[in-house]
Amino acid sequence: MKKATLSTERIRFGRPCLNPEKARSNRLVTFVTNSELANLERIADEKRMSLSAVVHQILSGFLKDT
């Protein structure tokens, strides 16, 4: 009976590695009012995006303008 040989190439699971310049590895915490949160949640629902993705999109757009 033949023994199975281990391949030098491993199957990788999970998300692919990102360019370190584009990886979002820092966390930012902020407080918003109830009405601001409601507006953000409405936008997220309309765009079918997560709340986090909406806030990131708004922040990125603001930073591009500066």
N, C-alpha and C. Protein backbone atom coordinates (compact mmCIF):
# COMPACT_ATOMS: atom_id res chain seq x y z
N MET A 1 0.84 -1.18 0.00
CA MET A 1 0.00 0.00 0.00
C MET A 1 0.89 1.24 0.00
N LYS A 2 0.57 2.20 -0.86
CA LYS A 2 1.35 3.44 -0.94
C LYS A 2 0.96 4.39 0.16
N LYS A 3 1.96 5.10 0.68
CA LYS A 3 1.69 6.13 1.68
C LYS A 3 1.42 7.45 0.97
N ALA A 4 0.53 8.21 1.52
CA ALA A 4 0.23 9.52 0.94
C ALA A 4 1.40 10.45 1.21
N THR A 5 1.77 11.21 0.20
CA THR A 5 2.86 12.16 0.38
C THR A 5 2.28 13.56 0.60
N LEU A 6 2.95 14.31 1.42
CA LEU A 6 2.50 15.67 1.68
C LEU A 6 2.98 16.59 0.58
N SER A 7 2.10 17.40 0.11
CA SER A 7 2.44 18.36 -0.93
C SER A 7 3.08 19.58 -0.26
N THR A 8 4.01 20.21 -0.96
CA THR A 8 4.64 21.41 -0.42
C THR A 8 3.71 22.61 -0.52
N GLU A 9 2.69 22.51 -1.39
CA GLU A 9 1.71 23.59 -1.51
C GLU A 9 0.53 23.27 -0.61
N ARG A 10 0.17 24.25 0.23
CA ARG A 10 -0.95 24.05 1.13
C ARG A 10 -2.16 24.81 0.60
N ILE A 11 -3.30 24.24 0.82
CA ILE A 11 -4.53 24.93 0.46
C ILE A 11 -4.79 25.98 1.53
N ARG A 12 -4.98 27.23 1.10
CA ARG A 12 -5.21 28.32 2.04
C ARG A 12 -6.69 28.64 2.08
N PHE A 13 -7.21 28.77 3.28
CA PHE A 13 -8.60 29.12 3.48
C PHE A 13 -8.70 30.54 4.00
N GLY A 14 -9.87 31.11 3.92
CA GLY A 14 -10.08 32.45 4.45
C GLY A 14 -9.89 33.51 3.40
N ARG A 15 -9.85 34.73 3.85
CA ARG A 15 -9.71 35.86 2.95
C ARG A 15 -8.27 35.97 2.44
N PRO A 16 -8.13 36.41 1.20
CA PRO A 16 -6.77 36.60 0.68
C PRO A 16 -6.09 37.78 1.39
N CYS A 17 -4.78 37.74 1.44
CA CYS A 17 -4.02 38.81 2.07
C CYS A 17 -4.17 40.09 1.25
N LEU A 18 -4.32 41.21 1.95
CA LEU A 18 -4.43 42.50 1.28
C LEU A 18 -3.08 43.20 1.26
N ASN A 19 -2.96 44.13 0.36
CA ASN A 19 -1.82 45.02 0.34
C ASN A 19 -1.82 45.76 1.69
N PRO A 20 -0.71 45.78 2.43
CA PRO A 20 -0.69 46.45 3.74
C PRO A 20 -1.11 47.92 3.68
N GLU A 21 -0.94 48.57 2.53
CA GLU A 21 -1.36 49.96 2.39
C GLU A 21 -2.88 50.09 2.41
N LYS A 22 -3.59 49.04 1.98
CA LYS A 22 -5.04 49.11 1.88
C LYS A 22 -5.75 48.40 3.03
N ALA A 23 -5.02 47.64 3.83
CA ALA A 23 -5.63 46.91 4.94
C ALA A 23 -6.11 47.87 6.02
N ARG A 24 -7.36 47.67 6.46
CA ARG A 24 -7.91 48.52 7.51
C ARG A 24 -7.68 47.82 8.84
N SER A 25 -6.65 48.23 9.55
CA SER A 25 -6.29 47.54 10.77
C SER A 25 -6.44 48.41 12.02
N ASN A 26 -6.88 49.64 11.85
CA ASN A 26 -7.05 50.53 13.00
C ASN A 26 -8.53 50.71 13.32
N ARG A 27 -8.81 50.83 14.60
CA ARG A 27 -10.19 50.93 15.06
C ARG A 27 -10.45 52.35 15.53
N LEU A 28 -11.61 52.87 15.18
CA LEU A 28 -12.01 54.22 15.57
C LEU A 28 -13.38 54.13 16.23
N VAL A 29 -13.52 54.74 17.40
CA VAL A 29 -14.79 54.72 18.12
C VAL A 29 -15.31 56.14 18.22
N THR A 30 -16.61 56.31 17.99
CA THR A 30 -17.21 57.63 18.12
C THR A 30 -18.63 57.48 18.67
N PHE A 31 -19.16 58.55 19.19
CA PHE A 31 -20.53 58.56 19.70
C PHE A 31 -21.38 59.42 18.79
N VAL A 32 -22.62 58.98 18.54
CA VAL A 32 -23.56 59.73 17.73
C VAL A 32 -24.87 59.85 18.50
N THR A 33 -25.68 60.81 18.11
CA THR A 33 -26.99 60.98 18.73
C THR A 33 -27.95 59.92 18.18
N ASN A 34 -29.11 59.81 18.81
CA ASN A 34 -30.11 58.86 18.34
C ASN A 34 -30.56 59.19 16.92
N SER A 35 -30.73 60.47 16.62
CA SER A 35 -31.17 60.85 15.27
C SER A 35 -30.07 60.60 14.23
N GLU A 36 -28.81 60.83 14.60
CA GLU A 36 -27.70 60.55 13.68
C GLU A 36 -27.63 59.05 13.39
N LEU A 37 -27.80 58.24 14.43
CA LEU A 37 -27.76 56.79 14.25
C LEU A 37 -28.93 56.34 13.37
N ALA A 38 -30.10 56.91 13.59
CA ALA A 38 -31.26 56.56 12.77
C ALA A 38 -31.01 56.91 11.30
N ASN A 39 -30.42 58.06 11.04
CA ASN A 39 -30.10 58.46 9.67
C ASN A 39 -29.10 57.51 9.04
N LEU A 40 -28.06 57.14 9.78
CA LEU A 40 -27.05 56.22 9.26
C LEU A 40 -27.66 54.84 8.98
N GLU A 41 -28.52 54.38 9.87
CA GLU A 41 -29.18 53.09 9.67
C GLU A 41 -30.11 53.13 8.46
N ARG A 42 -30.79 54.24 8.25
CA ARG A 42 -31.67 54.39 7.08
C ARG A 42 -30.85 54.31 5.79
N ILE A 43 -29.72 55.02 5.78
CA ILE A 43 -28.84 55.00 4.61
C ILE A 43 -28.34 53.57 4.36
N ALA A 44 -27.93 52.90 5.43
CA ALA A 44 -27.42 51.52 5.30
C ALA A 44 -28.50 50.60 4.73
N ASP A 45 -29.73 50.75 5.21
CA ASP A 45 -30.83 49.93 4.69
C ASP A 45 -31.09 50.22 3.22
N GLU A 46 -31.12 51.50 2.86
CA GLU A 46 -31.39 51.88 1.47
C GLU A 46 -30.31 51.35 0.52
N LYS A 47 -29.07 51.40 0.97
CA LYS A 47 -27.96 50.96 0.11
C LYS A 47 -27.66 49.46 0.27
N ARG A 48 -28.37 48.82 1.20
CA ARG A 48 -28.13 47.40 1.50
C ARG A 48 -26.67 47.14 1.85
N MET A 49 -26.18 47.99 2.73
CA MET A 49 -24.80 47.89 3.21
C MET A 49 -24.83 47.78 4.73
N SER A 50 -23.72 47.34 5.30
CA SER A 50 -23.63 47.33 6.75
C SER A 50 -23.45 48.76 7.25
N LEU A 51 -23.80 48.97 8.49
CA LEU A 51 -23.63 50.29 9.09
C LEU A 51 -22.16 50.70 9.08
N SER A 52 -21.28 49.76 9.36
CA SER A 52 -19.85 50.02 9.35
C SER A 52 -19.37 50.44 7.97
N ALA A 53 -19.86 49.76 6.93
CA ALA A 53 -19.45 50.09 5.56
C ALA A 53 -19.93 51.48 5.17
N VAL A 54 -21.14 51.85 5.60
CA VAL A 54 -21.66 53.19 5.30
C VAL A 54 -20.80 54.26 5.97
N VAL A 55 -20.49 54.06 7.24
CA VAL A 55 -19.68 55.04 7.96
C VAL A 55 -18.29 55.14 7.32
N HIS A 56 -17.72 54.01 6.92
CA HIS A 56 -16.40 54.04 6.26
C HIS A 56 -16.47 54.79 4.94
N GLN A 57 -17.54 54.57 4.18
CA GLN A 57 -17.70 55.26 2.90
C GLN A 57 -17.82 56.78 3.11
N ILE A 58 -18.58 57.19 4.10
CA ILE A 58 -18.72 58.62 4.40
C ILE A 58 -17.39 59.20 4.82
N LEU A 59 -16.69 58.53 5.71
CA LEU A 59 -15.39 59.00 6.18
C LEU A 59 -14.37 59.08 5.04
N SER A 60 -14.33 58.06 4.21
CA SER A 60 -13.39 58.06 3.07
C SER A 60 -13.68 59.20 2.12
N GLY A 61 -14.96 59.44 1.84
CA GLY A 61 -15.33 60.55 0.96
C GLY A 61 -14.93 61.89 1.53
N PHE A 62 -15.11 62.05 2.82
CA PHE A 62 -14.72 63.31 3.48
C PHE A 62 -13.22 63.51 3.42
N LEU A 63 -12.45 62.45 3.65
CA LEU A 63 -10.99 62.56 3.65
C LEU A 63 -10.45 62.82 2.25
N LYS A 64 -11.12 62.34 1.21
CA LYS A 64 -10.68 62.61 -0.16
C LYS A 64 -10.84 64.09 -0.51
N ASP A 65 -11.84 64.73 0.10
CA ASP A 65 -12.13 66.13 -0.19
C ASP A 65 -11.17 67.08 0.52
N THR A 66 -10.43 66.59 1.50
CA THR A 66 -9.54 67.48 2.27
C THR A 66 -8.14 67.47 1.70
